[in-house]
Every structure is written in C-alpha cells, then in structure tokens.
Amino acid sequence: MNKLESLAFNRICACFTLSSLAGSDTAAAVVALAELDDMIDDFYSEYKELVSPEEYEEAKKNPESFIALIDRAHRHYAKLESGGE
C-alpha cells in the first residue's frame, strides 16, 4: 500500500471510529476514543515532518482536526506524486 492509499485508508478508519462516538453506547465510545488515540499517535509517528507538536496535541483534544491533518498529508503526497505541480 503506498502513502496515498494508506492515508485514504486511515481517513476511512478515523471517520468510522469517530462515528462510534455519536452513539449512546458508553463502552463503544470509550473503545473508539482509545482507538482514535492510537491512530493519532501512529499518524504523528509516521508523518512528524508534516505535523507540528501543537497540531498533534490539538488532534488529541479534537479528533475532527485529526481528519484535517490526514487530508493535508494526502494533499502533500498527491502533489509530490504528480510532480509537484
């Protein structure tokens, strides 16, 4: 799986996990928050060159901003793949 595919997959997983927070099942929400926390940590570890420590901390507090970071990384690699145009 290349970077673009990996980022697209991460976005789908993050959105799906975020949707689990909307329900009334507290146990599912706790599990979803733990999964998101792990996803954010993994993302930051892999894409540190694109994410500041402040953005990482914000993503931990506000999972919606995590989606924005994934989108930004995807745009970055899409631009590189297309020759930087």
N, C-alpha and C. Protein backbone atom coordinates (compact mmCIF):
# COMPACT_ATOMS: atom_id res chain seq x y z
N MET A 1 0.85 -1.17 0.00
CA MET A 1 0.00 0.00 0.00
C MET A 1 0.91 1.24 0.00
N ASN A 2 0.68 2.14 -0.95
CA ASN A 2 1.50 3.35 -1.00
C ASN A 2 0.96 4.39 0.00
N LYS A 3 1.66 5.51 0.11
CA LYS A 3 1.28 6.54 1.09
C LYS A 3 -0.13 7.05 0.86
N LEU A 4 -0.49 7.32 -0.39
CA LEU A 4 -1.83 7.85 -0.67
C LEU A 4 -2.91 6.85 -0.28
N GLU A 5 -2.70 5.59 -0.60
CA GLU A 5 -3.67 4.56 -0.24
C GLU A 5 -3.75 4.41 1.28
N SER A 6 -2.60 4.45 1.92
CA SER A 6 -2.55 4.34 3.37
C SER A 6 -3.28 5.50 4.05
N LEU A 7 -3.07 6.70 3.55
CA LEU A 7 -3.75 7.87 4.11
C LEU A 7 -5.25 7.80 3.88
N ALA A 8 -5.67 7.35 2.70
CA ALA A 8 -7.10 7.21 2.42
C ALA A 8 -7.72 6.18 3.36
N PHE A 9 -7.02 5.09 3.57
CA PHE A 9 -7.50 4.06 4.49
C PHE A 9 -7.57 4.60 5.92
N ASN A 10 -6.54 5.34 6.34
CA ASN A 10 -6.54 5.94 7.68
C ASN A 10 -7.72 6.88 7.86
N ARG A 11 -8.04 7.64 6.81
CA ARG A 11 -9.16 8.58 6.90
C ARG A 11 -10.48 7.84 7.07
N ILE A 12 -10.65 6.78 6.30
CA ILE A 12 -11.87 5.98 6.42
C ILE A 12 -11.99 5.40 7.82
N CYS A 13 -10.90 4.84 8.33
CA CYS A 13 -10.91 4.26 9.67
C CYS A 13 -11.21 5.32 10.73
N ALA A 14 -10.59 6.49 10.60
CA ALA A 14 -10.81 7.56 11.57
C ALA A 14 -12.26 8.04 11.54
N CYS A 15 -12.81 8.20 10.35
CA CYS A 15 -14.21 8.64 10.24
C CYS A 15 -15.16 7.59 10.81
N PHE A 16 -14.89 6.35 10.52
CA PHE A 16 -15.72 5.27 11.06
C PHE A 16 -15.65 5.25 12.59
N THR A 17 -14.44 5.40 13.11
CA THR A 17 -14.26 5.40 14.57
C THR A 17 -14.93 6.62 15.20
N LEU A 18 -14.81 7.77 14.55
CA LEU A 18 -15.49 8.97 15.05
C LEU A 18 -17.00 8.78 15.11
N SER A 19 -17.54 8.08 14.14
CA SER A 19 -18.99 7.85 14.11
C SER A 19 -19.44 7.02 15.32
N SER A 20 -18.54 6.22 15.86
CA SER A 20 -18.87 5.43 17.05
C SER A 20 -19.07 6.30 18.28
N LEU A 21 -18.52 7.51 18.24
CA LEU A 21 -18.66 8.42 19.38
C LEU A 21 -20.06 9.02 19.45
N ALA A 22 -20.79 8.98 18.36
CA ALA A 22 -22.10 9.63 18.29
C ALA A 22 -23.20 8.81 18.95
N GLY A 23 -22.96 7.54 19.18
CA GLY A 23 -24.00 6.69 19.75
C GLY A 23 -24.15 6.86 21.25
N SER A 24 -25.10 6.13 21.78
CA SER A 24 -25.37 6.20 23.22
C SER A 24 -24.65 5.11 24.01
N ASP A 25 -23.92 4.26 23.32
CA ASP A 25 -23.19 3.18 23.97
C ASP A 25 -21.88 3.71 24.54
N THR A 26 -21.84 3.87 25.85
CA THR A 26 -20.66 4.43 26.51
C THR A 26 -19.43 3.56 26.32
N ALA A 27 -19.60 2.27 26.40
CA ALA A 27 -18.46 1.36 26.24
C ALA A 27 -17.87 1.48 24.83
N ALA A 28 -18.74 1.57 23.83
CA ALA A 28 -18.26 1.74 22.45
C ALA A 28 -17.52 3.06 22.29
N ALA A 29 -18.00 4.10 22.95
CA ALA A 29 -17.35 5.41 22.87
C ALA A 29 -15.97 5.38 23.52
N VAL A 30 -15.85 4.69 24.63
CA VAL A 30 -14.55 4.57 25.31
C VAL A 30 -13.56 3.83 24.43
N VAL A 31 -14.01 2.75 23.81
CA VAL A 31 -13.16 1.98 22.90
C VAL A 31 -12.77 2.84 21.70
N ALA A 32 -13.73 3.57 21.15
CA ALA A 32 -13.46 4.43 20.00
C ALA A 32 -12.44 5.51 20.34
N LEU A 33 -12.55 6.11 21.52
CA LEU A 33 -11.58 7.14 21.93
C LEU A 33 -10.18 6.55 22.06
N ALA A 34 -10.08 5.35 22.60
CA ALA A 34 -8.77 4.69 22.71
C ALA A 34 -8.20 4.38 21.34
N GLU A 35 -9.06 3.93 20.42
CA GLU A 35 -8.61 3.64 19.06
C GLU A 35 -8.14 4.91 18.36
N LEU A 36 -8.90 5.99 18.52
CA LEU A 36 -8.50 7.27 17.92
C LEU A 36 -7.17 7.74 18.47
N ASP A 37 -7.01 7.60 19.77
CA ASP A 37 -5.76 8.00 20.41
C ASP A 37 -4.58 7.24 19.79
N ASP A 38 -4.75 5.94 19.60
CA ASP A 38 -3.70 5.13 18.98
C ASP A 38 -3.46 5.55 17.53
N MET A 39 -4.55 5.82 16.80
CA MET A 39 -4.41 6.25 15.40
C MET A 39 -3.64 7.56 15.30
N ILE A 40 -3.95 8.49 16.19
CA ILE A 40 -3.29 9.79 16.18
C ILE A 40 -1.81 9.63 16.51
N ASP A 41 -1.51 8.80 17.49
CA ASP A 41 -0.10 8.54 17.84
C ASP A 41 0.65 7.93 16.67
N ASP A 42 0.05 6.94 16.02
CA ASP A 42 0.69 6.28 14.88
C ASP A 42 0.88 7.26 13.72
N PHE A 43 -0.14 8.06 13.47
CA PHE A 43 -0.06 9.05 12.39
C PHE A 43 1.08 10.04 12.66
N TYR A 44 1.13 10.55 13.88
CA TYR A 44 2.18 11.52 14.22
C TYR A 44 3.56 10.89 14.09
N SER A 45 3.68 9.66 14.52
CA SER A 45 4.96 8.96 14.43
C SER A 45 5.42 8.83 12.98
N GLU A 46 4.48 8.54 12.09
CA GLU A 46 4.83 8.34 10.68
C GLU A 46 4.98 9.64 9.89
N TYR A 47 4.25 10.67 10.28
CA TYR A 47 4.23 11.91 9.48
C TYR A 47 4.69 13.13 10.28
N LYS A 48 5.65 12.94 11.18
CA LYS A 48 6.14 14.04 12.02
C LYS A 48 6.63 15.23 11.21
N GLU A 49 7.13 14.97 10.02
CA GLU A 49 7.66 16.07 9.20
C GLU A 49 6.54 16.98 8.68
N LEU A 50 5.30 16.53 8.76
CA LEU A 50 4.17 17.31 8.27
C LEU A 50 3.28 17.87 9.39
N VAL A 51 3.53 17.43 10.61
CA VAL A 51 2.65 17.77 11.73
C VAL A 51 3.48 18.34 12.87
N SER A 52 3.10 19.52 13.33
CA SER A 52 3.81 20.12 14.46
C SER A 52 3.34 19.47 15.76
N PRO A 53 4.15 19.58 16.80
CA PRO A 53 3.72 19.06 18.10
C PRO A 53 2.41 19.70 18.58
N GLU A 54 2.21 20.97 18.26
CA GLU A 54 0.97 21.65 18.65
C GLU A 54 -0.24 21.06 17.91
N GLU A 55 -0.06 20.75 16.62
CA GLU A 55 -1.14 20.14 15.85
C GLU A 55 -1.45 18.74 16.37
N TYR A 56 -0.42 18.03 16.76
CA TYR A 56 -0.59 16.70 17.35
C TYR A 56 -1.42 16.80 18.63
N GLU A 57 -1.07 17.73 19.50
CA GLU A 57 -1.81 17.92 20.74
C GLU A 57 -3.26 18.33 20.47
N GLU A 58 -3.46 19.19 19.49
CA GLU A 58 -4.82 19.61 19.13
C GLU A 58 -5.63 18.42 18.62
N ALA A 59 -5.01 17.56 17.83
CA ALA A 59 -5.70 16.37 17.32
C ALA A 59 -6.12 15.45 18.47
N LYS A 60 -5.30 15.38 19.51
CA LYS A 60 -5.63 14.56 20.67
C LYS A 60 -6.86 15.12 21.39
N LYS A 61 -6.99 16.44 21.39
CA LYS A 61 -8.12 17.09 22.07
C LYS A 61 -9.37 17.12 21.18
N ASN A 62 -9.14 17.27 19.88
CA ASN A 62 -10.24 17.44 18.93
C ASN A 62 -10.03 16.50 17.74
N PRO A 63 -10.63 15.32 17.80
CA PRO A 63 -10.41 14.33 16.73
C PRO A 63 -10.77 14.82 15.33
N GLU A 64 -11.67 15.80 15.23
CA GLU A 64 -12.00 16.35 13.90
C GLU A 64 -10.76 16.97 13.25
N SER A 65 -9.90 17.55 14.06
CA SER A 65 -8.69 18.14 13.49
C SER A 65 -7.73 17.05 12.98
N PHE A 66 -7.87 15.84 13.52
CA PHE A 66 -7.09 14.72 13.03
C PHE A 66 -7.42 14.44 11.56
N ILE A 67 -8.70 14.49 11.23
CA ILE A 67 -9.13 14.28 9.84
C ILE A 67 -8.49 15.33 8.94
N ALA A 68 -8.45 16.57 9.40
CA ALA A 68 -7.84 17.65 8.62
C ALA A 68 -6.35 17.39 8.40
N LEU A 69 -5.67 16.84 9.40
CA LEU A 69 -4.24 16.52 9.24
C LEU A 69 -4.05 15.40 8.22
N ILE A 70 -4.91 14.42 8.26
CA ILE A 70 -4.84 13.33 7.26
C ILE A 70 -5.04 13.91 5.86
N ASP A 71 -6.03 14.77 5.72
CA ASP A 71 -6.30 15.38 4.41
C ASP A 71 -5.11 16.20 3.93
N ARG A 72 -4.50 16.95 4.83
CA ARG A 72 -3.34 17.76 4.45
C ARG A 72 -2.17 16.87 3.99
N ALA A 73 -1.93 15.80 4.73
CA ALA A 73 -0.85 14.87 4.34
C ALA A 73 -1.17 14.24 2.99
N HIS A 74 -2.43 13.90 2.77
CA HIS A 74 -2.83 13.30 1.49
C HIS A 74 -2.57 14.29 0.35
N ARG A 75 -2.96 15.54 0.54
CA ARG A 75 -2.71 16.55 -0.50
C ARG A 75 -1.21 16.70 -0.76
N HIS A 76 -0.42 16.68 0.29
CA HIS A 76 1.04 16.81 0.16
C HIS A 76 1.60 15.67 -0.70
N TYR A 77 1.24 14.44 -0.38
CA TYR A 77 1.78 13.31 -1.14
C TYR A 77 1.18 13.21 -2.54
N ALA A 78 -0.04 13.64 -2.71
CA ALA A 78 -0.64 13.67 -4.04
C ALA A 78 0.12 14.67 -4.92
N LYS A 79 0.47 15.80 -4.34
CA LYS A 79 1.23 16.80 -5.09
C LYS A 79 2.61 16.27 -5.46
N LEU A 80 3.27 15.60 -4.52
CA LEU A 80 4.59 15.01 -4.81
C LEU A 80 4.48 13.95 -5.91
N GLU A 81 3.44 13.15 -5.83
CA GLU A 81 3.26 12.09 -6.82
C GLU A 81 3.01 12.64 -8.21
N SER A 82 2.34 13.79 -8.27
CA SER A 82 2.04 14.37 -9.58
C SER A 82 3.17 15.28 -10.09
N GLY A 83 4.27 15.25 -9.40
CA GLY A 83 5.42 16.03 -9.85
C GLY A 83 5.50 17.43 -9.26
N GLY A 84 4.73 17.67 -8.20
CA GLY A 84 4.81 18.94 -7.52
C GLY A 84 4.15 20.10 -8.23
N GLU A 85 3.27 19.79 -9.15
CA GLU A 85 2.61 20.86 -9.91
C GLU A 85 1.59 21.59 -9.08
